[in-house]
Amino acid sequence: MHAKFEDELEIMAFPCNQFGGQEPGGDAEILKFAESHGFPDPQHTAGFKMFSKTFVNGPETIPVFSFLKNSKAGKSKDITWNYAKFLVGADGVPIKAYGSAFDLKTITRDVETALNEKAETDAEYDSGF
């Protein structure tokens, strides 16, 4: 990741117990477990925020997941397993959805592309055109 973009990234985690009961603990216990496994990594997750355990599917789905899943990137599909990811642009529009299995190189490339596009747009506006 380019150093100039590190302060522009925000990573948000939403623990959920809807997938095989894998997240039965409370918020403090979940955060402690994540930290004991090296997450968040301060070198790569300066903009990290872990939210309270929530619902990502069904009638109790929180609004952010309703929005993400019903976006063009989410294709109106339910989350199928833990560690689903969404890349959201600086304009708040979801760009791409990733399942629990993913290729880190692909996500890195997609994030860098989105940040470069944002930088180009910012430069265009800053130039007065």
Protein backbone atom coordinates (compact mmCIF):
# COMPACT_ATOMS: atom_id res chain seq x y z
CA MET A 1 0.00 0.00 0.00
CA HIS A 2 1.31 3.41 -0.86
CA ALA A 3 2.27 5.36 2.27
CA LYS A 4 0.52 8.49 1.02
CA PHE A 5 -2.82 6.67 1.22
CA GLU A 6 -2.50 5.10 4.67
CA ASP A 7 -4.22 8.00 6.42
CA GLU A 8 -7.13 7.81 3.96
CA LEU A 9 -8.08 4.19 4.67
CA GLU A 10 -10.72 3.14 7.13
CA ILE A 11 -11.29 -0.48 8.02
CA MET A 12 -14.48 -1.37 9.83
CA ALA A 13 -15.24 -4.76 11.38
CA PHE A 14 -18.72 -5.95 12.31
CA PRO A 15 -18.58 -9.15 14.39
CA CYS A 16 -21.54 -11.44 13.82
CA ASN A 17 -22.68 -14.74 15.35
CA GLN A 18 -24.93 -15.78 12.45
CA PHE A 19 -22.43 -18.22 10.93
CA GLY A 20 -22.10 -21.45 12.86
CA GLY A 21 -22.17 -19.68 16.23
CA GLN A 22 -18.48 -18.77 15.82
CA GLU A 23 -18.76 -15.43 17.63
CA PRO A 24 -20.64 -16.18 20.88
CA GLY A 25 -18.74 -13.73 23.13
CA GLY A 26 -19.45 -10.16 24.05
CA ASP A 27 -17.80 -7.15 22.44
CA ALA A 28 -14.86 -6.95 24.88
CA GLU A 29 -14.16 -10.68 24.51
CA ILE A 30 -14.31 -10.44 20.70
CA LEU A 31 -11.86 -7.52 20.64
CA LYS A 32 -9.50 -9.30 23.05
CA PHE A 33 -9.55 -12.42 20.84
CA ALA A 34 -8.87 -10.34 17.71
CA GLU A 35 -5.97 -8.52 19.40
CA SER A 36 -4.49 -11.83 20.60
CA HIS A 37 -4.39 -12.92 16.96
CA GLY A 38 -2.63 -9.77 15.73
CA PHE A 39 -5.64 -7.80 14.59
CA PRO A 40 -5.78 -4.93 14.23
CA ASP A 41 -2.22 -4.62 13.01
CA PRO A 42 -1.28 -0.99 13.80
CA GLN A 43 1.05 -0.84 10.79
CA HIS A 44 -1.78 -1.51 8.33
CA THR A 45 -4.99 -0.63 10.16
CA ALA A 46 -4.57 2.89 11.51
CA GLY A 47 -8.18 3.69 10.57
CA PHE A 48 -9.56 0.52 12.17
CA LYS A 49 -12.89 0.48 14.00
CA MET A 50 -14.57 -2.60 15.47
CA PHE A 51 -18.29 -2.25 16.02
CA SER A 52 -20.54 -4.16 18.41
CA LYS A 53 -21.67 -7.63 17.44
CA THR A 54 -24.55 -7.34 15.03
CA PHE A 55 -26.75 -8.99 12.40
CA VAL A 56 -25.80 -8.91 8.72
CA ASN A 57 -28.69 -11.05 7.39
CA GLY A 58 -32.37 -11.49 8.15
CA PRO A 59 -34.98 -9.16 9.65
CA GLU A 60 -32.52 -7.66 12.17
CA THR A 61 -29.91 -6.71 9.53
CA ILE A 62 -28.32 -3.38 10.44
CA PRO A 63 -28.78 -0.56 7.90
CA VAL A 64 -25.16 -0.49 6.73
CA PHE A 65 -25.38 -4.13 5.64
CA SER A 66 -28.76 -3.59 4.00
CA PHE A 67 -27.14 -0.77 2.04
CA LEU A 68 -24.03 -2.78 1.13
CA LYS A 69 -25.91 -5.93 0.15
CA ASN A 70 -28.45 -4.02 -1.94
CA SER A 71 -25.80 -2.04 -3.81
CA LYS A 72 -24.61 -2.89 -7.31
CA ALA A 73 -21.50 -4.47 -5.72
CA GLY A 74 -23.55 -6.53 -3.25
CA LYS A 75 -25.94 -7.79 -5.96
CA SER A 76 -28.79 -8.11 -3.42
CA LYS A 77 -27.20 -11.24 -1.95
CA ASP A 78 -27.02 -12.25 1.70
CA ILE A 79 -23.66 -12.61 3.39
CA THR A 80 -22.81 -16.33 3.21
CA TRP A 81 -20.03 -16.66 5.79
CA ASN A 82 -17.74 -14.76 8.14
CA TYR A 83 -15.12 -12.36 6.80
CA ALA A 84 -17.15 -10.96 3.92
CA LYS A 85 -15.64 -7.68 2.78
CA PHE A 86 -16.82 -4.63 0.87
CA LEU A 87 -14.65 -1.98 -0.74
CA VAL A 88 -16.43 1.38 -0.54
CA GLY A 89 -15.23 4.43 -2.43
CA ALA A 90 -14.54 7.83 -0.93
CA ASP A 91 -17.95 8.89 -2.23
CA GLY A 92 -19.66 6.20 -0.12
CA VAL A 93 -20.57 4.02 -3.09
CA PRO A 94 -19.71 0.31 -2.72
CA ILE A 95 -17.19 -0.66 -5.40
CA LYS A 96 -16.76 -4.39 -4.91
CA ALA A 97 -17.79 -7.24 -2.61
CA TYR A 98 -15.50 -10.09 -1.56
CA GLY A 99 -16.46 -13.38 0.06
CA SER A 100 -14.71 -14.97 3.02
CA ALA A 101 -12.17 -16.60 0.70
CA PHE A 102 -10.15 -13.94 -1.09
CA ASP A 103 -6.89 -13.12 -2.78
CA LEU A 104 -5.03 -10.41 -0.86
CA LYS A 105 -3.25 -9.28 -4.03
CA THR A 106 -6.61 -8.67 -5.71
CA ILE A 107 -7.95 -6.64 -2.81
CA THR A 108 -4.70 -4.67 -2.55
CA ARG A 109 -4.86 -3.88 -6.28
CA ASP A 110 -8.53 -2.86 -6.01
CA VAL A 111 -7.85 -0.58 -3.01
CA GLU A 112 -4.87 1.03 -4.72
CA THR A 113 -6.92 1.58 -7.88
CA ALA A 114 -9.73 3.23 -5.89
CA LEU A 115 -7.28 5.45 -3.99
CA ASN A 116 -5.45 6.43 -7.17
CA GLU A 117 -8.76 7.33 -8.82
CA LYS A 118 -9.65 9.45 -5.78
CA ALA A 119 -6.25 11.18 -5.92
CA GLU A 120 -6.73 11.93 -9.63
CA THR A 121 -10.21 13.34 -9.00
CA ASP A 122 -8.91 15.44 -6.09
CA ALA A 123 -6.08 16.78 -8.28
CA GLU A 124 -8.54 17.67 -11.03
CA TYR A 125 -10.74 19.62 -8.62
CA ASP A 126 -7.73 21.27 -7.02
CA SER A 127 -6.50 22.46 -10.43
CA GLY A 128 -9.61 24.59 -10.88
CA PHE A 129 -11.09 22.74 -13.84
